[in-house]
Amino acid sequence: MPTFVYMTRCDGCGQCVDICPSDIMHIDKTLRRAYNIEPNMCWECYSCVKACPHQAIDVRGYADFAPLGHSVRVIRDEDKGTIAWRIKFRNGKKDMELLAPITTKPWGTCIPQLADEAAPSGDMRDSHLLFNEPKYVAMNDNALATLKSNGLSLKEGVYY
């Protein structure tokens, strides 16, 4: 089941339209509200949900963390740098809140500029590894780094 829009909360800002990778979120010209024009084609990536400043878009959660008859509310808090997924179960008595850090970075800060990188050597080209994979995957002594080895610690269910 795809995302859907609460018309009473939507103000037609278009942020969901701009971010939808499958180009199925549109603004109704008469009502000036967003809607999903092709629900079957929704990738369920929830980009529109995370981008909506008014929490006007609701989602279906997967059965592994939310049973049928529930509702999922997504609240993006830029000041705290978190996204909270709040699940309300159909009996109305149980709530679950999952908190995750916002991991998006400003445009152009994540991918290194290839022009600044040294050309790969013949050994690198013949290797099964991708370009600079050991460097960017943080492989030390042919072992993958762990969260602990990177100095991260768990606080309230989120690694910092």
N, C-alpha and C. Protein backbone atom coordinates (compact mmCIF):
# COMPACT_ATOMS: atom_id res chain seq x y z
N MET A 1 0.84 -1.18 0.00
CA MET A 1 0.00 0.00 0.00
C MET A 1 0.89 1.24 0.00
N PRO A 2 0.61 2.21 -0.83
CA PRO A 2 1.48 3.38 -0.98
C PRO A 2 1.22 4.46 0.08
N THR A 3 1.92 5.55 -0.08
CA THR A 3 1.70 6.71 0.77
C THR A 3 0.38 7.37 0.37
N PHE A 4 -0.17 8.14 1.29
CA PHE A 4 -1.37 8.91 0.97
C PHE A 4 -1.32 10.23 1.71
N VAL A 5 -2.06 11.21 1.20
CA VAL A 5 -1.99 12.58 1.70
C VAL A 5 -3.26 12.93 2.47
N TYR A 6 -3.09 13.52 3.65
CA TYR A 6 -4.22 14.09 4.38
C TYR A 6 -4.45 15.49 3.82
N MET A 7 -5.54 15.67 3.13
CA MET A 7 -5.81 16.94 2.45
C MET A 7 -5.95 18.11 3.43
N THR A 8 -6.39 17.84 4.65
CA THR A 8 -6.58 18.92 5.62
C THR A 8 -5.25 19.45 6.15
N ARG A 9 -4.19 18.65 6.07
CA ARG A 9 -2.88 19.09 6.55
C ARG A 9 -2.00 19.67 5.44
N CYS A 10 -2.24 19.25 4.21
CA CYS A 10 -1.40 19.66 3.08
C CYS A 10 -1.70 21.11 2.70
N ASP A 11 -0.62 21.88 2.46
CA ASP A 11 -0.82 23.25 2.00
C ASP A 11 -0.34 23.45 0.56
N GLY A 12 0.02 22.35 -0.11
CA GLY A 12 0.43 22.43 -1.51
C GLY A 12 1.80 23.02 -1.73
N CYS A 13 2.71 22.88 -0.77
CA CYS A 13 4.05 23.47 -0.90
C CYS A 13 4.86 22.81 -2.00
N GLY A 14 4.60 21.55 -2.30
CA GLY A 14 5.27 20.87 -3.40
C GLY A 14 6.58 20.20 -3.07
N GLN A 15 6.98 20.17 -1.80
CA GLN A 15 8.25 19.52 -1.45
C GLN A 15 8.22 18.03 -1.74
N CYS A 16 7.06 17.40 -1.57
CA CYS A 16 6.94 15.97 -1.88
C CYS A 16 7.04 15.73 -3.38
N VAL A 17 6.52 16.66 -4.17
CA VAL A 17 6.58 16.55 -5.63
C VAL A 17 8.03 16.64 -6.09
N ASP A 18 8.78 17.56 -5.51
CA ASP A 18 10.17 17.77 -5.91
C ASP A 18 11.06 16.57 -5.59
N ILE A 19 10.77 15.86 -4.50
CA ILE A 19 11.68 14.82 -4.04
C ILE A 19 11.29 13.41 -4.50
N CYS A 20 10.08 13.22 -5.00
CA CYS A 20 9.60 11.88 -5.37
C CYS A 20 10.43 11.30 -6.53
N PRO A 21 11.14 10.18 -6.30
CA PRO A 21 11.99 9.63 -7.35
C PRO A 21 11.20 8.99 -8.50
N SER A 22 9.97 8.56 -8.25
CA SER A 22 9.19 7.95 -9.32
C SER A 22 8.23 8.94 -9.97
N ASP A 23 8.28 10.22 -9.56
CA ASP A 23 7.50 11.29 -10.17
C ASP A 23 6.00 11.02 -10.16
N ILE A 24 5.49 10.49 -9.04
CA ILE A 24 4.06 10.21 -8.97
C ILE A 24 3.31 11.13 -7.99
N MET A 25 4.03 11.95 -7.26
CA MET A 25 3.37 12.93 -6.40
C MET A 25 3.12 14.18 -7.24
N HIS A 26 1.89 14.64 -7.26
CA HIS A 26 1.51 15.82 -8.04
C HIS A 26 0.65 16.74 -7.21
N ILE A 27 0.53 17.98 -7.64
CA ILE A 27 -0.34 18.96 -6.99
C ILE A 27 -1.62 19.07 -7.80
N ASP A 28 -2.75 18.89 -7.14
CA ASP A 28 -4.05 19.07 -7.79
C ASP A 28 -4.22 20.54 -8.12
N LYS A 29 -4.49 20.87 -9.38
CA LYS A 29 -4.58 22.27 -9.80
C LYS A 29 -5.79 22.98 -9.22
N THR A 30 -6.85 22.25 -8.93
CA THR A 30 -8.05 22.87 -8.38
C THR A 30 -7.95 23.06 -6.87
N LEU A 31 -7.58 22.00 -6.17
CA LEU A 31 -7.54 22.03 -4.70
C LEU A 31 -6.23 22.56 -4.13
N ARG A 32 -5.16 22.61 -4.95
CA ARG A 32 -3.82 23.01 -4.50
C ARG A 32 -3.34 22.13 -3.35
N ARG A 33 -3.53 20.82 -3.52
CA ARG A 33 -3.10 19.84 -2.54
C ARG A 33 -2.36 18.72 -3.27
N ALA A 34 -1.41 18.10 -2.59
CA ALA A 34 -0.64 17.00 -3.19
C ALA A 34 -1.47 15.73 -3.19
N TYR A 35 -1.19 14.87 -4.15
CA TYR A 35 -1.79 13.55 -4.18
C TYR A 35 -0.90 12.61 -4.98
N ASN A 36 -1.07 11.33 -4.75
CA ASN A 36 -0.31 10.29 -5.42
C ASN A 36 -1.09 9.87 -6.66
N ILE A 37 -0.56 10.18 -7.88
CA ILE A 37 -1.33 9.93 -9.10
C ILE A 37 -1.35 8.46 -9.51
N GLU A 38 -0.38 7.69 -9.06
CA GLU A 38 -0.29 6.29 -9.46
C GLU A 38 0.13 5.44 -8.26
N PRO A 39 -0.80 5.14 -7.35
CA PRO A 39 -0.45 4.42 -6.12
C PRO A 39 0.29 3.10 -6.35
N ASN A 40 -0.04 2.40 -7.45
CA ASN A 40 0.62 1.10 -7.71
C ASN A 40 2.12 1.28 -7.98
N MET A 41 2.51 2.45 -8.44
CA MET A 41 3.90 2.67 -8.82
C MET A 41 4.75 3.26 -7.68
N CYS A 42 4.17 3.44 -6.51
CA CYS A 42 4.91 4.00 -5.38
C CYS A 42 6.01 3.05 -4.95
N TRP A 43 7.22 3.56 -4.84
CA TRP A 43 8.37 2.74 -4.44
C TRP A 43 8.40 2.52 -2.94
N GLU A 44 7.58 3.24 -2.21
CA GLU A 44 7.58 3.21 -0.75
C GLU A 44 8.94 3.55 -0.18
N CYS A 45 9.59 4.53 -0.79
CA CYS A 45 10.88 5.01 -0.29
C CYS A 45 10.68 6.00 0.86
N TYR A 46 9.48 6.57 0.95
CA TYR A 46 9.08 7.50 2.00
C TYR A 46 9.84 8.82 1.97
N SER A 47 10.44 9.15 0.83
CA SER A 47 11.11 10.44 0.71
C SER A 47 10.11 11.58 0.87
N CYS A 48 8.93 11.42 0.29
CA CYS A 48 7.90 12.47 0.39
C CYS A 48 7.46 12.66 1.84
N VAL A 49 7.37 11.56 2.57
CA VAL A 49 6.95 11.61 3.97
C VAL A 49 7.96 12.39 4.80
N LYS A 50 9.24 12.11 4.56
CA LYS A 50 10.30 12.78 5.32
C LYS A 50 10.42 14.24 4.94
N ALA A 51 10.11 14.58 3.68
CA ALA A 51 10.27 15.95 3.22
C ALA A 51 9.09 16.85 3.59
N CYS A 52 7.94 16.28 3.87
CA CYS A 52 6.74 17.08 4.13
C CYS A 52 6.87 17.86 5.45
N PRO A 53 6.81 19.19 5.39
CA PRO A 53 6.96 19.98 6.61
C PRO A 53 5.71 19.98 7.50
N HIS A 54 4.59 19.46 6.99
CA HIS A 54 3.33 19.51 7.76
C HIS A 54 2.86 18.13 8.22
N GLN A 55 3.68 17.09 8.04
CA GLN A 55 3.31 15.72 8.37
C GLN A 55 1.96 15.37 7.74
N ALA A 56 1.76 15.77 6.49
CA ALA A 56 0.50 15.54 5.79
C ALA A 56 0.46 14.21 5.06
N ILE A 57 1.59 13.52 4.96
CA ILE A 57 1.63 12.26 4.22
C ILE A 57 1.82 11.12 5.19
N ASP A 58 0.95 10.12 5.09
CA ASP A 58 0.99 8.97 5.97
C ASP A 58 1.46 7.76 5.18
N VAL A 59 1.91 6.75 5.88
CA VAL A 59 2.49 5.58 5.24
C VAL A 59 1.95 4.31 5.85
N ARG A 60 2.20 3.24 5.13
CA ARG A 60 1.92 1.90 5.65
C ARG A 60 3.23 1.35 6.17
N GLY A 61 3.24 0.88 7.38
CA GLY A 61 4.44 0.26 7.92
C GLY A 61 4.47 -1.21 7.54
N TYR A 62 5.61 -1.82 7.63
CA TYR A 62 5.74 -3.23 7.30
C TYR A 62 5.39 -4.09 8.51
N ALA A 63 4.92 -5.30 8.24
CA ALA A 63 4.41 -6.17 9.29
C ALA A 63 5.47 -6.54 10.32
N ASP A 64 6.75 -6.42 9.99
CA ASP A 64 7.77 -6.79 10.96
C ASP A 64 7.86 -5.81 12.12
N PHE A 65 7.35 -4.57 11.97
CA PHE A 65 7.37 -3.66 13.11
C PHE A 65 6.02 -3.03 13.41
N ALA A 66 5.02 -3.20 12.56
CA ALA A 66 3.70 -2.63 12.83
C ALA A 66 2.63 -3.52 12.20
N PRO A 67 1.70 -4.04 13.00
CA PRO A 67 0.67 -4.93 12.46
C PRO A 67 -0.40 -4.17 11.68
N LEU A 68 -1.27 -4.90 11.02
CA LEU A 68 -2.36 -4.28 10.26
C LEU A 68 -3.24 -3.43 11.16
N GLY A 69 -3.78 -2.37 10.61
CA GLY A 69 -4.67 -1.51 11.37
C GLY A 69 -3.96 -0.44 12.17
N HIS A 70 -2.71 -0.20 11.92
CA HIS A 70 -1.94 0.78 12.66
C HIS A 70 -1.85 2.06 11.85
N SER A 71 -1.28 3.08 12.43
CA SER A 71 -0.94 4.28 11.67
C SER A 71 0.51 4.64 11.98
N VAL A 72 1.18 5.19 10.99
CA VAL A 72 2.57 5.58 11.15
C VAL A 72 2.67 7.07 10.92
N ARG A 73 3.22 7.78 11.86
CA ARG A 73 3.40 9.22 11.75
C ARG A 73 4.89 9.50 11.72
N VAL A 74 5.34 10.31 10.80
CA VAL A 74 6.75 10.63 10.67
C VAL A 74 6.95 12.11 10.95
N ILE A 75 7.83 12.41 11.90
CA ILE A 75 8.09 13.80 12.26
C ILE A 75 9.58 14.07 12.10
N ARG A 76 9.90 15.01 11.23
CA ARG A 76 11.30 15.40 10.97
C ARG A 76 11.59 16.64 11.79
N ASP A 77 12.58 16.55 12.66
CA ASP A 77 12.96 17.68 13.50
C ASP A 77 14.36 18.13 13.10
N GLU A 78 14.43 19.17 12.30
CA GLU A 78 15.71 19.68 11.80
C GLU A 78 16.61 20.19 12.94
N ASP A 79 16.00 20.82 13.95
CA ASP A 79 16.79 21.38 15.05
C ASP A 79 17.54 20.29 15.83
N LYS A 80 16.85 19.18 16.10
CA LYS A 80 17.49 18.07 16.82
C LYS A 80 18.25 17.14 15.88
N GLY A 81 18.00 17.25 14.58
CA GLY A 81 18.67 16.38 13.61
C GLY A 81 18.15 14.96 13.65
N THR A 82 16.85 14.79 13.91
CA THR A 82 16.28 13.46 14.01
C THR A 82 15.01 13.33 13.18
N ILE A 83 14.68 12.07 12.88
CA ILE A 83 13.40 11.71 12.29
C ILE A 83 12.77 10.70 13.25
N ALA A 84 11.56 10.99 13.69
CA ALA A 84 10.85 10.10 14.60
C ALA A 84 9.72 9.41 13.85
N TRP A 85 9.69 8.10 13.92
CA TRP A 85 8.62 7.29 13.33
C TRP A 85 7.75 6.83 14.49
N ARG A 86 6.54 7.35 14.57
CA ARG A 86 5.64 7.01 15.68
C ARG A 86 4.56 6.07 15.16
N ILE A 87 4.45 4.91 15.77
CA ILE A 87 3.49 3.90 15.35
C ILE A 87 2.41 3.79 16.41
N LYS A 88 1.16 3.95 15.97
CA LYS A 88 0.02 3.81 16.87
C LYS A 88 -0.72 2.54 16.45
N PHE A 89 -0.82 1.60 17.36
CA PHE A 89 -1.45 0.33 17.06
C PHE A 89 -2.96 0.47 17.03
N ARG A 90 -3.63 -0.48 16.37
CA ARG A 90 -5.08 -0.35 16.16
C ARG A 90 -5.88 -0.44 17.45
N ASN A 91 -5.34 -1.02 18.51
CA ASN A 91 -6.08 -1.05 19.77
C ASN A 91 -6.04 0.30 20.48
N GLY A 92 -5.22 1.23 19.97
CA GLY A 92 -5.15 2.57 20.53
C GLY A 92 -4.39 2.68 21.83
N LYS A 93 -3.97 1.57 22.38
CA LYS A 93 -3.32 1.59 23.69
C LYS A 93 -1.80 1.61 23.60
N LYS A 94 -1.27 1.04 22.53
CA LYS A 94 0.18 0.92 22.43
C LYS A 94 0.73 1.91 21.42
N ASP A 95 1.79 2.56 21.77
CA ASP A 95 2.52 3.42 20.86
C ASP A 95 3.98 2.98 20.86
N MET A 96 4.61 3.13 19.72
CA MET A 96 6.04 2.85 19.63
C MET A 96 6.67 4.01 18.88
N GLU A 97 7.77 4.49 19.36
CA GLU A 97 8.45 5.58 18.67
C GLU A 97 9.88 5.16 18.37
N LEU A 98 10.22 5.25 17.08
CA LEU A 98 11.56 4.92 16.63
C LEU A 98 12.25 6.23 16.25
N LEU A 99 13.41 6.45 16.79
CA LEU A 99 14.13 7.70 16.56
C LEU A 99 15.40 7.40 15.76
N ALA A 100 15.62 8.15 14.68
CA ALA A 100 16.79 7.95 13.85
C ALA A 100 17.41 9.31 13.53
N PRO A 101 18.73 9.36 13.40
CA PRO A 101 19.36 10.63 13.03
C PRO A 101 19.12 10.94 11.56
N ILE A 102 19.06 12.21 11.22
CA ILE A 102 18.98 12.61 9.82
C ILE A 102 20.37 12.42 9.24
N THR A 103 20.47 11.63 8.20
CA THR A 103 21.79 11.31 7.65
C THR A 103 22.07 12.00 6.32
N THR A 104 21.14 12.80 5.84
CA THR A 104 21.39 13.50 4.59
C THR A 104 22.41 14.60 4.81
N LYS A 105 23.24 14.80 3.85
CA LYS A 105 24.30 15.82 3.91
C LYS A 105 24.02 16.89 2.86
N PRO A 106 24.58 18.07 3.03
CA PRO A 106 24.41 19.11 2.01
C PRO A 106 24.94 18.63 0.66
N TRP A 107 24.31 19.10 -0.41
CA TRP A 107 24.65 18.68 -1.76
C TRP A 107 26.14 18.90 -2.03
N GLY A 108 26.79 17.85 -2.54
CA GLY A 108 28.20 17.94 -2.92
C GLY A 108 29.20 17.64 -1.83
N THR A 109 28.74 17.34 -0.61
CA THR A 109 29.68 17.09 0.48
C THR A 109 30.01 15.62 0.67
N CYS A 110 29.19 14.72 0.15
CA CYS A 110 29.40 13.29 0.39
C CYS A 110 30.36 12.65 -0.60
N ILE A 111 30.20 12.93 -1.87
CA ILE A 111 30.97 12.25 -2.90
C ILE A 111 32.25 13.03 -3.15
N PRO A 112 33.41 12.36 -3.09
CA PRO A 112 34.66 13.09 -3.32
C PRO A 112 34.74 13.56 -4.77
N GLN A 113 35.43 14.63 -4.99
CA GLN A 113 35.63 15.14 -6.34
C GLN A 113 36.63 14.23 -7.04
N LEU A 114 36.19 13.52 -8.08
CA LEU A 114 37.07 12.56 -8.75
C LEU A 114 38.26 13.23 -9.40
N ALA A 115 38.11 14.49 -9.81
CA ALA A 115 39.23 15.19 -10.43
C ALA A 115 40.38 15.38 -9.44
N ASP A 116 40.08 15.42 -8.14
CA ASP A 116 41.11 15.61 -7.12
C ASP A 116 41.78 14.30 -6.71
N GLU A 117 41.19 13.18 -7.11
CA GLU A 117 41.73 11.87 -6.73
C GLU A 117 42.83 11.44 -7.71
N ALA A 118 43.76 10.69 -7.21
CA ALA A 118 44.82 10.15 -8.07
C ALA A 118 44.23 9.07 -8.97
N ALA A 119 44.77 8.95 -10.16
CA ALA A 119 44.30 7.92 -11.09
C ALA A 119 44.61 6.54 -10.51
N PRO A 120 43.74 5.56 -10.75
CA PRO A 120 44.00 4.23 -10.19
C PRO A 120 45.20 3.58 -10.87
N SER A 121 45.97 2.85 -10.08
CA SER A 121 47.13 2.13 -10.61
C SER A 121 46.65 0.88 -11.34
N GLY A 122 47.56 0.22 -12.00
CA GLY A 122 47.22 -1.02 -12.71
C GLY A 122 46.71 -2.09 -11.76
N ASP A 123 47.32 -2.16 -10.56
CA ASP A 123 46.86 -3.14 -9.56
C ASP A 123 45.44 -2.84 -9.11
N MET A 124 45.13 -1.56 -8.94
CA MET A 124 43.77 -1.19 -8.54
C MET A 124 42.77 -1.53 -9.63
N ARG A 125 43.14 -1.32 -10.89
CA ARG A 125 42.22 -1.63 -11.99
C ARG A 125 41.98 -3.13 -12.11
N ASP A 126 42.97 -3.94 -11.79
CA ASP A 126 42.83 -5.39 -11.88
C ASP A 126 42.17 -6.00 -10.64
N SER A 127 42.03 -5.21 -9.59
CA SER A 127 41.46 -5.70 -8.33
C SER A 127 39.95 -5.88 -8.45
N HIS A 128 39.40 -6.70 -7.58
CA HIS A 128 37.94 -6.90 -7.53
C HIS A 128 37.25 -5.77 -6.76
N LEU A 129 38.03 -4.90 -6.11
CA LEU A 129 37.45 -3.81 -5.33
C LEU A 129 37.02 -2.66 -6.22
N LEU A 130 36.09 -1.88 -5.76
CA LEU A 130 35.67 -0.68 -6.46
C LEU A 130 36.68 0.44 -6.25
N PHE A 131 36.54 1.53 -6.99
CA PHE A 131 37.45 2.67 -6.89
C PHE A 131 37.52 3.18 -5.45
N ASN A 132 38.69 3.18 -4.87
CA ASN A 132 38.95 3.66 -3.51
C ASN A 132 38.09 2.98 -2.45
N GLU A 133 37.65 1.77 -2.72
CA GLU A 133 36.80 1.07 -1.75
C GLU A 133 37.46 0.90 -0.39
N PRO A 134 38.72 0.46 -0.32
CA PRO A 134 39.31 0.32 1.02
C PRO A 134 39.33 1.63 1.78
N LYS A 135 39.56 2.75 1.08
CA LYS A 135 39.66 4.05 1.73
C LYS A 135 38.30 4.51 2.27
N TYR A 136 37.25 4.41 1.45
CA TYR A 136 35.95 4.97 1.84
C TYR A 136 35.07 4.02 2.62
N VAL A 137 35.39 2.73 2.61
CA VAL A 137 34.64 1.79 3.42
C VAL A 137 35.35 1.62 4.77
N ALA A 138 36.46 2.31 4.94
CA ALA A 138 37.25 2.30 6.18
C ALA A 138 37.75 0.90 6.50
N MET A 139 38.33 0.25 5.50
CA MET A 139 38.92 -1.07 5.73
C MET A 139 40.32 -0.89 6.27
N ASN A 140 40.55 -1.41 7.45
CA ASN A 140 41.87 -1.36 8.07
C ASN A 140 42.39 -2.78 8.20
N ASP A 141 43.55 -3.04 7.66
CA ASP A 141 44.13 -4.38 7.70
C ASP A 141 43.16 -5.42 7.14
N ASN A 142 42.51 -5.08 6.02
CA ASN A 142 41.56 -5.96 5.33
C ASN A 142 40.38 -6.37 6.20
N ALA A 143 40.00 -5.54 7.15
CA ALA A 143 38.84 -5.82 7.98
C ALA A 143 37.92 -4.60 7.97
N LEU A 144 36.62 -4.84 7.90
CA LEU A 144 35.68 -3.74 7.92
C LEU A 144 35.64 -3.09 9.30
N ALA A 145 35.51 -1.79 9.30
CA ALA A 145 35.40 -1.06 10.57
C ALA A 145 34.03 -1.32 11.19
N THR A 146 33.98 -1.28 12.49
CA THR A 146 32.71 -1.42 13.20
C THR A 146 32.32 -0.07 13.79
N LEU A 147 31.10 0.03 14.26
CA LEU A 147 30.67 1.28 14.88
C LEU A 147 31.54 1.59 16.10
N LYS A 148 31.88 0.56 16.86
CA LYS A 148 32.70 0.76 18.05
C LYS A 148 34.11 1.22 17.68
N SER A 149 34.69 0.62 16.64
CA SER A 149 36.04 1.01 16.25
C SER A 149 36.08 2.42 15.66
N ASN A 150 34.95 2.92 15.21
CA ASN A 150 34.87 4.30 14.72
C ASN A 150 34.57 5.29 15.84
N GLY A 151 34.50 4.82 17.08
CA GLY A 151 34.31 5.70 18.21
C GLY A 151 32.86 6.10 18.44
N LEU A 152 31.90 5.34 17.89
CA LEU A 152 30.50 5.66 18.09
C LEU A 152 29.98 4.94 19.32
N SER A 153 29.01 5.56 19.99
CA SER A 153 28.41 4.91 21.14
C SER A 153 26.90 5.01 21.03
N LEU A 154 26.21 4.07 21.66
CA LEU A 154 24.76 3.97 21.59
C LEU A 154 24.13 4.81 22.68
N LYS A 155 23.27 5.79 22.28
CA LYS A 155 22.54 6.60 23.23
C LYS A 155 21.08 6.62 22.81
N GLU A 156 20.21 6.12 23.65
CA GLU A 156 18.77 6.10 23.39
C GLU A 156 18.43 5.47 22.05
N GLY A 157 19.08 4.36 21.71
CA GLY A 157 18.76 3.64 20.49
C GLY A 157 19.38 4.21 19.22
N VAL A 158 20.22 5.25 19.34
CA VAL A 158 20.83 5.86 18.16
C VAL A 158 22.33 5.94 18.38
N TYR A 159 23.11 5.59 17.35
CA TYR A 159 24.56 5.68 17.45
C TYR A 159 25.01 7.11 17.19
N TYR A 160 25.83 7.66 18.08
CA TYR A 160 26.37 9.02 17.95
C TYR A 160 27.88 8.95 17.89
